[in-house]
């Protein structure tokens, strides 16, 4: 996949702010501070189109990025940040659920986790929720450059076991810094976008 153009098309907190459903979408869910924005920037080969926040838990919107004028990557609000009130957390849940329930053009939602740590209780809940919605259960394990390549399999095993994943091909180790497995992710997204 060659990325020719990318733009932040829309920031939405409610359905009426969503862009038209004329393009296929692939969305990303994950904890605050897991590296979703860095992943999107690496994917599109831009430094800071997706804003990385120094304050985890700041993204309270659904951010739509138009790629090659042919599809969108969608950044869902980060969850699980401890210093946020319960009512604020519930709001994020509603924002995510509203998006998942109302996008017929949504091909897939991919969970992003940190390869260095076992997925959290919230990650497990989110993963099971995505499976219930009928998504395939793809996981991108970011920050792979922070551990040696020889340790990848050990850490990926923990991710798979914690989330209850049997198919090894569903989990892709990735690094936004070194671009490890960028081509694999491009190919996977391309395959996902061929959905009917």
N, C-alpha and C. Protein backbone atom coordinates (compact mmCIF):
# COMPACT_ATOMS: atom_id res chain seq x y z
N UNK A 1 0.84 -1.19 0.00
CA UNK A 1 0.00 0.00 0.00
C UNK A 1 0.88 1.25 0.00
N UNK A 2 0.58 2.15 -0.91
CA UNK A 2 1.35 3.40 -0.96
C UNK A 2 0.46 4.53 -0.44
N UNK A 3 0.95 5.26 0.55
CA UNK A 3 0.19 6.37 1.09
C UNK A 3 0.57 7.63 0.31
N UNK A 4 -0.40 8.16 -0.43
CA UNK A 4 -0.14 9.34 -1.26
C UNK A 4 -0.62 10.60 -0.55
N UNK A 5 -1.77 10.50 0.12
CA UNK A 5 -2.30 11.67 0.81
C UNK A 5 -2.98 11.26 2.11
N UNK A 6 -2.96 12.15 3.08
CA UNK A 6 -3.62 11.89 4.36
C UNK A 6 -4.01 13.22 4.98
N UNK A 7 -5.18 13.25 5.59
CA UNK A 7 -5.63 14.49 6.25
C UNK A 7 -6.56 14.14 7.40
N UNK A 8 -6.56 15.00 8.41
CA UNK A 8 -7.54 14.88 9.48
C UNK A 8 -8.83 15.45 8.93
N UNK A 9 -9.79 14.60 8.64
CA UNK A 9 -11.01 15.04 7.97
C UNK A 9 -12.05 15.59 8.95
N UNK A 10 -12.16 14.93 10.12
CA UNK A 10 -13.23 15.33 11.03
C UNK A 10 -12.91 14.88 12.45
N UNK A 11 -13.27 15.74 13.41
CA UNK A 11 -13.22 15.38 14.83
C UNK A 11 -14.66 15.40 15.31
N UNK A 12 -15.12 14.28 15.85
CA UNK A 12 -16.55 14.18 16.18
C UNK A 12 -16.78 13.68 17.60
N UNK A 13 -17.72 14.30 18.28
CA UNK A 13 -18.13 13.83 19.61
C UNK A 13 -19.52 13.21 19.54
N UNK A 14 -20.29 13.59 18.49
CA UNK A 14 -21.65 13.08 18.33
C UNK A 14 -21.86 12.66 16.86
N UNK A 15 -22.89 11.84 16.62
CA UNK A 15 -23.12 11.27 15.29
C UNK A 15 -23.25 12.33 14.20
N UNK A 16 -23.93 13.43 14.51
CA UNK A 16 -24.17 14.44 13.47
C UNK A 16 -22.87 15.06 12.96
N UNK A 17 -21.78 14.86 13.71
CA UNK A 17 -20.48 15.41 13.29
C UNK A 17 -19.67 14.40 12.46
N UNK A 18 -20.14 13.15 12.35
CA UNK A 18 -19.41 12.15 11.57
C UNK A 18 -19.39 12.56 10.10
N UNK A 19 -18.32 12.25 9.38
CA UNK A 19 -18.33 12.49 7.93
C UNK A 19 -19.27 11.49 7.25
N UNK A 20 -19.59 11.74 5.98
CA UNK A 20 -20.44 10.82 5.23
C UNK A 20 -19.88 9.41 5.30
N UNK A 21 -20.77 8.43 5.19
CA UNK A 21 -20.30 7.04 5.26
C UNK A 21 -19.97 6.51 3.85
N UNK A 22 -19.37 7.37 3.05
CA UNK A 22 -19.08 7.01 1.65
C UNK A 22 -17.74 6.29 1.47
N UNK A 23 -16.92 6.27 2.52
CA UNK A 23 -15.62 5.59 2.43
C UNK A 23 -15.54 4.49 3.48
N UNK A 24 -14.86 3.41 3.15
CA UNK A 24 -14.65 2.33 4.13
C UNK A 24 -13.76 2.83 5.26
N UNK A 25 -13.99 2.28 6.45
CA UNK A 25 -13.23 2.72 7.62
C UNK A 25 -12.64 1.54 8.38
N UNK A 26 -11.44 1.76 8.91
CA UNK A 26 -10.81 0.83 9.84
C UNK A 26 -10.53 1.65 11.10
N UNK A 27 -11.04 1.20 12.23
CA UNK A 27 -10.90 1.96 13.48
C UNK A 27 -9.92 1.28 14.42
N UNK A 28 -9.36 2.08 15.34
CA UNK A 28 -8.38 1.59 16.32
C UNK A 28 -8.85 1.94 17.72
N UNK A 29 -8.86 0.92 18.57
CA UNK A 29 -9.24 1.10 19.97
C UNK A 29 -8.03 0.75 20.83
N UNK A 30 -7.93 1.37 21.99
CA UNK A 30 -6.82 1.05 22.89
C UNK A 30 -6.80 1.97 24.09
N UNK A 31 -6.04 1.56 25.07
CA UNK A 31 -5.89 2.35 26.28
C UNK A 31 -5.27 3.70 25.98
N UNK A 32 -5.53 4.66 26.84
CA UNK A 32 -4.84 5.94 26.75
C UNK A 32 -3.34 5.67 26.85
N UNK A 33 -2.56 6.37 26.06
CA UNK A 33 -1.11 6.28 26.15
C UNK A 33 -0.52 4.98 25.60
N UNK A 34 -1.31 4.24 24.79
CA UNK A 34 -0.79 2.98 24.23
C UNK A 34 -0.06 3.22 22.92
N UNK A 35 -0.24 4.43 22.36
CA UNK A 35 0.48 4.76 21.13
C UNK A 35 -0.37 4.71 19.87
N UNK A 36 -1.69 4.97 20.00
CA UNK A 36 -2.56 4.95 18.81
C UNK A 36 -2.18 6.05 17.83
N UNK A 37 -1.98 7.27 18.36
CA UNK A 37 -1.63 8.39 17.47
C UNK A 37 -0.28 8.15 16.79
N UNK A 38 0.69 7.64 17.56
CA UNK A 38 2.01 7.34 16.98
C UNK A 38 1.89 6.26 15.92
N UNK A 39 1.02 5.26 16.17
CA UNK A 39 0.80 4.20 15.19
C UNK A 39 0.24 4.80 13.89
N UNK A 40 -0.78 5.66 14.01
CA UNK A 40 -1.40 6.25 12.81
C UNK A 40 -0.38 7.09 12.05
N UNK A 41 0.42 7.87 12.77
CA UNK A 41 1.46 8.68 12.11
C UNK A 41 2.47 7.80 11.38
N UNK A 42 2.86 6.70 12.00
CA UNK A 42 3.81 5.78 11.36
C UNK A 42 3.17 5.14 10.12
N UNK A 43 1.91 4.77 10.25
CA UNK A 43 1.19 4.12 9.15
C UNK A 43 1.14 5.01 7.91
N UNK A 44 0.89 6.32 8.14
CA UNK A 44 0.75 7.24 7.00
C UNK A 44 2.06 7.96 6.68
N UNK A 45 3.12 7.64 7.45
CA UNK A 45 4.44 8.25 7.25
C UNK A 45 4.40 9.77 7.37
N UNK A 46 3.73 10.24 8.44
CA UNK A 46 3.70 11.67 8.76
C UNK A 46 4.18 11.81 10.20
N UNK A 47 4.80 12.95 10.49
CA UNK A 47 5.35 13.15 11.84
C UNK A 47 4.26 13.35 12.88
N UNK A 48 3.32 14.26 12.62
CA UNK A 48 2.33 14.54 13.68
C UNK A 48 0.97 14.97 13.15
N UNK A 49 0.47 14.22 12.17
CA UNK A 49 -0.90 14.48 11.74
C UNK A 49 -1.85 14.09 12.87
N UNK A 50 -1.64 12.88 13.40
CA UNK A 50 -2.40 12.46 14.59
C UNK A 50 -1.65 13.01 15.79
N UNK A 51 -2.33 13.81 16.59
CA UNK A 51 -1.66 14.48 17.70
C UNK A 51 -1.44 13.51 18.86
N UNK A 52 -0.17 13.41 19.28
CA UNK A 52 0.11 12.61 20.47
C UNK A 52 -0.01 13.56 21.66
N UNK A 53 -0.66 13.09 22.68
CA UNK A 53 -0.92 13.96 23.83
C UNK A 53 0.03 13.65 24.97
N UNK A 54 0.53 14.72 25.61
CA UNK A 54 1.38 14.50 26.78
C UNK A 54 0.51 14.13 27.98
N UNK A 55 -0.78 14.41 27.86
CA UNK A 55 -1.73 14.06 28.93
C UNK A 55 -2.56 12.88 28.47
N UNK A 56 -2.29 11.68 28.99
CA UNK A 56 -3.08 10.52 28.60
C UNK A 56 -4.55 10.75 28.91
N UNK A 57 -5.41 10.15 28.10
CA UNK A 57 -6.84 10.24 28.36
C UNK A 57 -7.45 11.52 27.86
N UNK A 58 -6.72 12.26 27.01
CA UNK A 58 -7.22 13.55 26.56
C UNK A 58 -8.16 13.44 25.37
N UNK A 59 -7.98 12.39 24.57
CA UNK A 59 -8.83 12.25 23.38
C UNK A 59 -10.23 11.83 23.80
N UNK A 60 -11.18 12.74 23.62
CA UNK A 60 -12.56 12.44 23.99
C UNK A 60 -13.45 12.45 22.77
N UNK A 61 -12.83 12.33 21.62
CA UNK A 61 -13.57 12.40 20.37
C UNK A 61 -13.19 11.24 19.47
N UNK A 62 -13.99 11.06 18.41
CA UNK A 62 -13.65 10.10 17.37
C UNK A 62 -12.99 10.91 16.26
N UNK A 63 -11.75 10.57 15.94
CA UNK A 63 -10.99 11.33 14.94
C UNK A 63 -10.91 10.56 13.63
N UNK A 64 -11.36 11.17 12.55
CA UNK A 64 -11.43 10.53 11.24
C UNK A 64 -10.30 11.05 10.35
N UNK A 65 -9.44 10.15 9.89
CA UNK A 65 -8.34 10.51 8.99
C UNK A 65 -8.62 9.93 7.60
N UNK A 66 -8.68 10.83 6.61
CA UNK A 66 -8.93 10.37 5.24
C UNK A 66 -7.60 10.05 4.57
N UNK A 67 -7.47 8.84 4.04
CA UNK A 67 -6.21 8.37 3.44
C UNK A 67 -6.42 8.11 1.94
N UNK A 68 -5.54 8.70 1.13
CA UNK A 68 -5.57 8.50 -0.34
C UNK A 68 -6.95 8.81 -0.94
N UNK A 69 -7.75 9.63 -0.24
CA UNK A 69 -9.13 9.92 -0.67
C UNK A 69 -9.95 8.66 -0.93
N UNK A 70 -9.51 7.53 -0.35
CA UNK A 70 -10.20 6.28 -0.67
C UNK A 70 -10.66 5.49 0.55
N UNK A 71 -10.11 5.78 1.74
CA UNK A 71 -10.57 5.12 2.97
C UNK A 71 -10.22 5.97 4.16
N UNK A 72 -10.72 5.58 5.34
CA UNK A 72 -10.42 6.34 6.56
C UNK A 72 -9.83 5.43 7.63
N UNK A 73 -8.91 5.99 8.39
CA UNK A 73 -8.49 5.40 9.66
C UNK A 73 -9.21 6.20 10.73
N UNK A 74 -9.73 5.50 11.73
CA UNK A 74 -10.52 6.17 12.77
C UNK A 74 -9.91 5.89 14.13
N UNK A 75 -9.57 6.96 14.83
CA UNK A 75 -8.96 6.87 16.16
C UNK A 75 -10.07 7.04 17.21
N UNK A 76 -10.35 5.97 17.94
CA UNK A 76 -11.39 6.03 18.98
C UNK A 76 -10.80 6.54 20.29
N UNK A 77 -11.63 7.11 21.17
CA UNK A 77 -11.09 7.65 22.43
C UNK A 77 -10.36 6.57 23.23
N UNK A 78 -9.23 6.95 23.83
CA UNK A 78 -8.49 6.03 24.69
C UNK A 78 -9.28 5.79 25.97
N UNK A 79 -9.11 4.61 26.54
CA UNK A 79 -9.85 4.26 27.75
C UNK A 79 -8.87 3.82 28.84
N UNK A 80 -9.40 3.71 30.05
CA UNK A 80 -8.62 3.09 31.13
C UNK A 80 -7.64 4.00 31.84
N UNK A 81 -7.77 5.32 31.64
CA UNK A 81 -6.83 6.21 32.33
C UNK A 81 -7.33 6.46 33.75
N UNK A 82 -6.50 6.12 34.72
CA UNK A 82 -6.94 6.07 36.13
C UNK A 82 -7.39 7.41 36.69
N UNK A 83 -6.77 8.51 36.23
CA UNK A 83 -7.06 9.80 36.88
C UNK A 83 -8.28 10.51 36.29
N UNK A 84 -9.17 9.75 35.72
CA UNK A 84 -10.36 10.33 35.12
C UNK A 84 -11.57 9.84 35.89
N UNK A 85 -12.54 10.73 36.08
CA UNK A 85 -13.73 10.37 36.87
C UNK A 85 -14.52 9.26 36.19
N UNK A 86 -15.33 8.57 37.01
CA UNK A 86 -16.15 7.47 36.50
C UNK A 86 -17.11 7.96 35.42
N UNK A 87 -17.70 9.13 35.65
CA UNK A 87 -18.69 9.65 34.67
C UNK A 87 -18.00 9.97 33.34
N UNK A 88 -16.75 10.43 33.43
CA UNK A 88 -15.98 10.73 32.21
C UNK A 88 -15.69 9.43 31.45
N UNK A 89 -15.32 8.39 32.19
CA UNK A 89 -15.05 7.08 31.58
C UNK A 89 -16.31 6.55 30.89
N UNK A 90 -17.45 6.73 31.56
CA UNK A 90 -18.71 6.26 30.98
C UNK A 90 -19.02 7.00 29.68
N UNK A 91 -18.69 8.29 29.65
CA UNK A 91 -18.89 9.10 28.44
C UNK A 91 -18.11 8.53 27.27
N UNK A 92 -16.84 8.16 27.54
CA UNK A 92 -16.02 7.58 26.46
C UNK A 92 -16.65 6.30 25.94
N UNK A 93 -17.15 5.48 26.89
CA UNK A 93 -17.80 4.22 26.50
C UNK A 93 -18.97 4.47 25.56
N UNK A 94 -19.76 5.50 25.87
CA UNK A 94 -20.91 5.86 25.04
C UNK A 94 -20.44 6.33 23.66
N UNK A 95 -19.38 7.15 23.63
CA UNK A 95 -18.84 7.65 22.35
C UNK A 95 -18.40 6.49 21.47
N UNK A 96 -17.68 5.52 22.08
CA UNK A 96 -17.18 4.37 21.32
C UNK A 96 -18.35 3.50 20.85
N UNK A 97 -19.29 3.22 21.75
CA UNK A 97 -20.42 2.35 21.39
C UNK A 97 -21.28 2.99 20.31
N UNK A 98 -21.48 4.30 20.40
CA UNK A 98 -22.27 5.02 19.38
C UNK A 98 -21.62 4.87 18.02
N UNK A 99 -20.31 5.02 17.98
CA UNK A 99 -19.60 4.87 16.70
C UNK A 99 -19.73 3.45 16.16
N UNK A 100 -19.46 2.45 17.01
CA UNK A 100 -19.51 1.05 16.57
C UNK A 100 -20.89 0.65 16.07
N UNK A 101 -21.92 1.22 16.68
CA UNK A 101 -23.30 0.82 16.36
C UNK A 101 -23.86 1.52 15.13
N UNK A 102 -23.17 2.56 14.66
CA UNK A 102 -23.79 3.40 13.63
C UNK A 102 -22.97 3.59 12.36
N UNK A 103 -21.98 2.74 12.13
CA UNK A 103 -21.17 2.91 10.91
C UNK A 103 -21.24 1.65 10.06
N UNK A 104 -22.11 1.67 9.06
CA UNK A 104 -22.24 0.53 8.15
C UNK A 104 -20.99 0.35 7.30
N UNK A 105 -20.23 1.43 7.14
CA UNK A 105 -19.02 1.40 6.30
C UNK A 105 -17.77 0.98 7.10
N UNK A 106 -17.97 0.58 8.36
CA UNK A 106 -16.85 0.17 9.21
C UNK A 106 -16.48 -1.29 8.90
N UNK A 107 -15.26 -1.48 8.39
CA UNK A 107 -14.82 -2.84 8.02
C UNK A 107 -14.26 -3.60 9.22
N UNK A 108 -13.52 -2.91 10.09
CA UNK A 108 -12.82 -3.62 11.16
C UNK A 108 -12.43 -2.65 12.27
N UNK A 109 -12.37 -3.16 13.49
CA UNK A 109 -11.79 -2.41 14.61
C UNK A 109 -10.62 -3.24 15.12
N UNK A 110 -9.47 -2.60 15.20
CA UNK A 110 -8.25 -3.29 15.65
C UNK A 110 -7.88 -2.77 17.04
N UNK A 111 -7.60 -3.70 17.94
CA UNK A 111 -7.18 -3.32 19.30
C UNK A 111 -5.68 -3.08 19.31
N UNK A 112 -5.27 -1.97 19.91
CA UNK A 112 -3.84 -1.68 20.05
C UNK A 112 -3.45 -1.86 21.51
N UNK A 113 -2.41 -2.68 21.73
CA UNK A 113 -1.89 -2.90 23.09
C UNK A 113 -0.39 -2.64 23.10
N UNK A 114 0.16 -2.52 24.28
CA UNK A 114 1.60 -2.34 24.46
C UNK A 114 2.22 -3.73 24.63
N UNK A 115 3.12 -4.10 23.72
CA UNK A 115 3.71 -5.44 23.73
C UNK A 115 4.42 -5.77 25.05
N UNK A 116 4.87 -4.73 25.77
CA UNK A 116 5.69 -4.96 26.97
C UNK A 116 4.88 -5.42 28.17
N UNK A 117 3.56 -5.19 28.11
CA UNK A 117 2.72 -5.48 29.29
C UNK A 117 1.57 -6.42 28.93
N UNK A 118 1.18 -7.22 29.87
CA UNK A 118 -0.02 -8.05 29.66
C UNK A 118 -1.21 -7.11 29.47
N UNK A 119 -2.13 -7.42 28.55
CA UNK A 119 -3.32 -6.58 28.38
C UNK A 119 -4.06 -6.41 29.70
N UNK A 120 -4.60 -5.21 29.90
CA UNK A 120 -5.29 -4.89 31.15
C UNK A 120 -6.70 -5.48 31.14
N UNK A 121 -7.36 -5.34 32.28
CA UNK A 121 -8.75 -5.78 32.41
C UNK A 121 -9.62 -5.05 31.38
N UNK A 122 -9.36 -3.74 31.19
CA UNK A 122 -10.13 -2.95 30.21
C UNK A 122 -9.86 -3.43 28.79
N UNK A 123 -8.58 -3.83 28.51
CA UNK A 123 -8.25 -4.35 27.18
C UNK A 123 -9.05 -5.63 26.90
N UNK A 124 -9.11 -6.50 27.90
CA UNK A 124 -9.84 -7.77 27.74
C UNK A 124 -11.32 -7.49 27.49
N UNK A 125 -11.87 -6.54 28.27
CA UNK A 125 -13.28 -6.16 28.08
C UNK A 125 -13.52 -5.61 26.68
N UNK A 126 -12.63 -4.71 26.24
CA UNK A 126 -12.77 -4.11 24.92
C UNK A 126 -12.65 -5.17 23.83
N UNK A 127 -11.70 -6.08 24.00
CA UNK A 127 -11.49 -7.14 23.00
C UNK A 127 -12.74 -8.02 22.87
N UNK A 128 -13.27 -8.42 24.01
CA UNK A 128 -14.48 -9.26 24.01
C UNK A 128 -15.67 -8.53 23.40
N UNK A 129 -15.74 -7.24 23.68
CA UNK A 129 -16.79 -6.38 23.14
C UNK A 129 -16.70 -6.35 21.62
N UNK A 130 -15.47 -6.19 21.10
CA UNK A 130 -15.27 -6.14 19.64
C UNK A 130 -15.66 -7.47 19.00
N UNK A 131 -15.32 -8.57 19.67
CA UNK A 131 -15.70 -9.89 19.14
C UNK A 131 -17.23 -10.04 19.11
N UNK A 132 -17.87 -9.52 20.15
CA UNK A 132 -19.34 -9.57 20.21
C UNK A 132 -19.97 -8.78 19.07
N UNK A 133 -19.31 -7.70 18.67
CA UNK A 133 -19.79 -6.89 17.55
C UNK A 133 -19.53 -7.58 16.20
N UNK A 134 -18.80 -8.69 16.23
CA UNK A 134 -18.57 -9.44 15.01
C UNK A 134 -17.27 -9.12 14.30
N UNK A 135 -16.37 -8.39 14.97
CA UNK A 135 -15.08 -8.08 14.35
C UNK A 135 -14.12 -9.26 14.50
N UNK A 136 -13.05 -9.25 13.70
CA UNK A 136 -12.18 -10.43 13.59
C UNK A 136 -11.27 -10.66 14.80
N UNK A 137 -10.95 -9.60 15.52
CA UNK A 137 -10.08 -9.75 16.68
C UNK A 137 -8.61 -9.52 16.40
N UNK A 138 -8.32 -8.62 15.45
CA UNK A 138 -6.92 -8.27 15.19
C UNK A 138 -6.37 -7.41 16.32
N UNK A 139 -5.09 -7.63 16.63
CA UNK A 139 -4.41 -6.85 17.67
C UNK A 139 -3.07 -6.40 17.13
N UNK A 140 -2.75 -5.12 17.32
CA UNK A 140 -1.42 -4.62 17.00
C UNK A 140 -0.72 -4.33 18.32
N UNK A 141 0.41 -5.00 18.52
CA UNK A 141 1.18 -4.85 19.77
C UNK A 141 2.31 -3.85 19.51
N UNK A 142 2.08 -2.60 19.95
CA UNK A 142 3.04 -1.52 19.66
C UNK A 142 4.23 -1.54 20.62
N UNK A 143 5.16 -0.63 20.34
CA UNK A 143 6.36 -0.40 21.16
C UNK A 143 7.29 -1.61 21.14
N UNK A 144 7.25 -2.36 20.02
CA UNK A 144 8.08 -3.57 19.89
C UNK A 144 9.57 -3.25 19.89
N UNK A 145 9.93 -2.00 19.57
CA UNK A 145 11.35 -1.62 19.58
C UNK A 145 11.89 -1.48 21.00
N UNK A 146 10.99 -1.45 21.98
CA UNK A 146 11.42 -1.27 23.38
C UNK A 146 11.90 -2.57 24.02
N UNK A 147 11.68 -3.69 23.32
CA UNK A 147 12.22 -4.97 23.81
C UNK A 147 13.00 -5.62 22.67
N UNK A 148 13.90 -6.54 23.00
CA UNK A 148 14.70 -7.16 21.94
C UNK A 148 13.82 -8.10 21.12
N UNK A 149 14.16 -8.25 19.84
CA UNK A 149 13.33 -9.08 18.94
C UNK A 149 13.24 -10.52 19.46
N UNK A 150 14.28 -10.96 20.14
CA UNK A 150 14.28 -12.31 20.71
C UNK A 150 13.22 -12.50 21.79
N UNK A 151 12.76 -11.38 22.36
CA UNK A 151 11.73 -11.43 23.42
C UNK A 151 10.31 -11.31 22.86
N UNK A 152 10.17 -11.01 21.58
CA UNK A 152 8.85 -10.77 21.02
C UNK A 152 7.89 -11.92 21.26
N UNK A 153 8.32 -13.14 20.91
CA UNK A 153 7.41 -14.29 21.01
C UNK A 153 6.90 -14.51 22.42
N UNK A 154 7.80 -14.33 23.39
CA UNK A 154 7.41 -14.50 24.79
C UNK A 154 6.30 -13.49 25.16
N UNK A 155 6.50 -12.25 24.75
CA UNK A 155 5.53 -11.19 25.07
C UNK A 155 4.23 -11.37 24.29
N UNK A 156 4.36 -11.79 23.02
CA UNK A 156 3.16 -12.01 22.20
C UNK A 156 2.31 -13.16 22.77
N UNK A 157 2.98 -14.14 23.33
CA UNK A 157 2.28 -15.28 23.95
C UNK A 157 1.42 -14.79 25.12
N UNK A 158 1.98 -13.86 25.92
CA UNK A 158 1.24 -13.29 27.05
C UNK A 158 0.01 -12.53 26.54
N UNK A 159 0.21 -11.75 25.46
CA UNK A 159 -0.90 -10.99 24.88
C UNK A 159 -2.00 -11.95 24.41
N UNK A 160 -1.60 -12.99 23.67
CA UNK A 160 -2.59 -13.95 23.14
C UNK A 160 -3.32 -14.68 24.27
N UNK A 161 -2.56 -15.12 25.26
CA UNK A 161 -3.18 -15.88 26.36
C UNK A 161 -4.13 -15.01 27.18
N UNK A 162 -3.72 -13.76 27.44
CA UNK A 162 -4.55 -12.86 28.25
C UNK A 162 -5.86 -12.55 27.53
N UNK A 163 -5.79 -12.38 26.20
CA UNK A 163 -6.99 -12.03 25.42
C UNK A 163 -7.74 -13.27 24.92
N UNK A 164 -7.14 -14.46 25.14
CA UNK A 164 -7.79 -15.70 24.71
C UNK A 164 -7.76 -15.91 23.20
N UNK A 165 -6.65 -15.50 22.57
CA UNK A 165 -6.52 -15.61 21.11
C UNK A 165 -5.83 -16.92 20.74
N UNK A 166 -6.48 -17.70 19.88
CA UNK A 166 -5.88 -18.97 19.43
C UNK A 166 -5.04 -18.79 18.16
N UNK A 167 -5.50 -17.92 17.27
CA UNK A 167 -4.85 -17.74 15.98
C UNK A 167 -3.68 -16.75 16.10
N UNK A 168 -2.46 -17.26 15.95
CA UNK A 168 -1.26 -16.43 16.10
C UNK A 168 -1.22 -15.28 15.10
N UNK A 169 -1.86 -15.47 13.93
CA UNK A 169 -1.81 -14.44 12.88
C UNK A 169 -2.63 -13.20 13.19
N UNK A 170 -3.43 -13.26 14.25
CA UNK A 170 -4.26 -12.10 14.59
C UNK A 170 -3.47 -11.01 15.32
N UNK A 171 -2.30 -11.37 15.86
CA UNK A 171 -1.51 -10.40 16.64
C UNK A 171 -0.23 -10.02 15.87
N UNK A 172 -0.06 -8.72 15.64
CA UNK A 172 1.10 -8.24 14.89
C UNK A 172 1.95 -7.33 15.78
N UNK A 173 3.23 -7.71 16.02
CA UNK A 173 4.11 -6.79 16.75
C UNK A 173 4.46 -5.62 15.84
N UNK A 174 4.57 -4.42 16.42
CA UNK A 174 4.78 -3.23 15.60
C UNK A 174 5.58 -2.19 16.37
N UNK A 175 6.36 -1.40 15.64
CA UNK A 175 7.05 -0.27 16.26
C UNK A 175 6.84 0.98 15.44
N UNK A 176 6.32 2.02 16.07
CA UNK A 176 6.13 3.30 15.39
C UNK A 176 7.48 3.97 15.14
N UNK A 177 8.46 3.70 16.01
CA UNK A 177 9.79 4.32 15.86
C UNK A 177 10.61 3.65 14.77
N UNK A 178 10.75 2.33 14.84
CA UNK A 178 11.61 1.64 13.88
C UNK A 178 10.85 1.21 12.63
N UNK A 179 9.51 1.37 12.65
CA UNK A 179 8.63 0.95 11.54
C UNK A 179 8.66 -0.57 11.33
N UNK A 180 9.02 -1.32 12.37
CA UNK A 180 9.01 -2.79 12.29
C UNK A 180 7.60 -3.26 11.95
N UNK A 181 7.50 -4.09 10.92
CA UNK A 181 6.24 -4.69 10.46
C UNK A 181 5.26 -3.69 9.83
N UNK A 182 5.77 -2.54 9.41
CA UNK A 182 4.89 -1.55 8.76
C UNK A 182 4.26 -2.13 7.49
N UNK A 183 5.07 -2.82 6.71
CA UNK A 183 4.56 -3.39 5.45
C UNK A 183 3.48 -4.45 5.74
N UNK A 184 3.73 -5.25 6.79
CA UNK A 184 2.74 -6.27 7.18
C UNK A 184 1.41 -5.62 7.53
N UNK A 185 1.48 -4.51 8.28
CA UNK A 185 0.26 -3.80 8.69
C UNK A 185 -0.42 -3.17 7.46
N UNK A 186 0.37 -2.57 6.57
CA UNK A 186 -0.21 -2.01 5.33
C UNK A 186 -0.96 -3.09 4.56
N UNK A 187 -0.34 -4.27 4.42
CA UNK A 187 -0.96 -5.37 3.68
C UNK A 187 -2.24 -5.84 4.36
N UNK A 188 -2.20 -5.90 5.69
CA UNK A 188 -3.36 -6.36 6.46
C UNK A 188 -4.53 -5.37 6.29
N UNK A 189 -4.23 -4.07 6.38
CA UNK A 189 -5.29 -3.05 6.22
C UNK A 189 -5.87 -3.12 4.80
N UNK A 190 -4.99 -3.32 3.83
CA UNK A 190 -5.43 -3.43 2.44
C UNK A 190 -6.40 -4.62 2.29
N UNK A 191 -6.03 -5.73 2.91
CA UNK A 191 -6.87 -6.94 2.88
C UNK A 191 -8.22 -6.67 3.56
N UNK A 192 -8.18 -5.99 4.72
CA UNK A 192 -9.40 -5.67 5.46
C UNK A 192 -10.32 -4.78 4.62
N UNK A 193 -9.73 -3.82 3.89
CA UNK A 193 -10.52 -2.87 3.11
C UNK A 193 -11.19 -3.50 1.89
N UNK A 194 -10.81 -4.73 1.58
CA UNK A 194 -11.48 -5.41 0.47
C UNK A 194 -12.80 -6.02 0.94
N UNK A 195 -13.19 -5.71 2.20
CA UNK A 195 -14.45 -6.23 2.75
C UNK A 195 -15.64 -5.69 1.97
N UNK A 196 -16.69 -6.48 1.93
CA UNK A 196 -17.92 -6.04 1.23
C UNK A 196 -18.85 -5.34 2.20
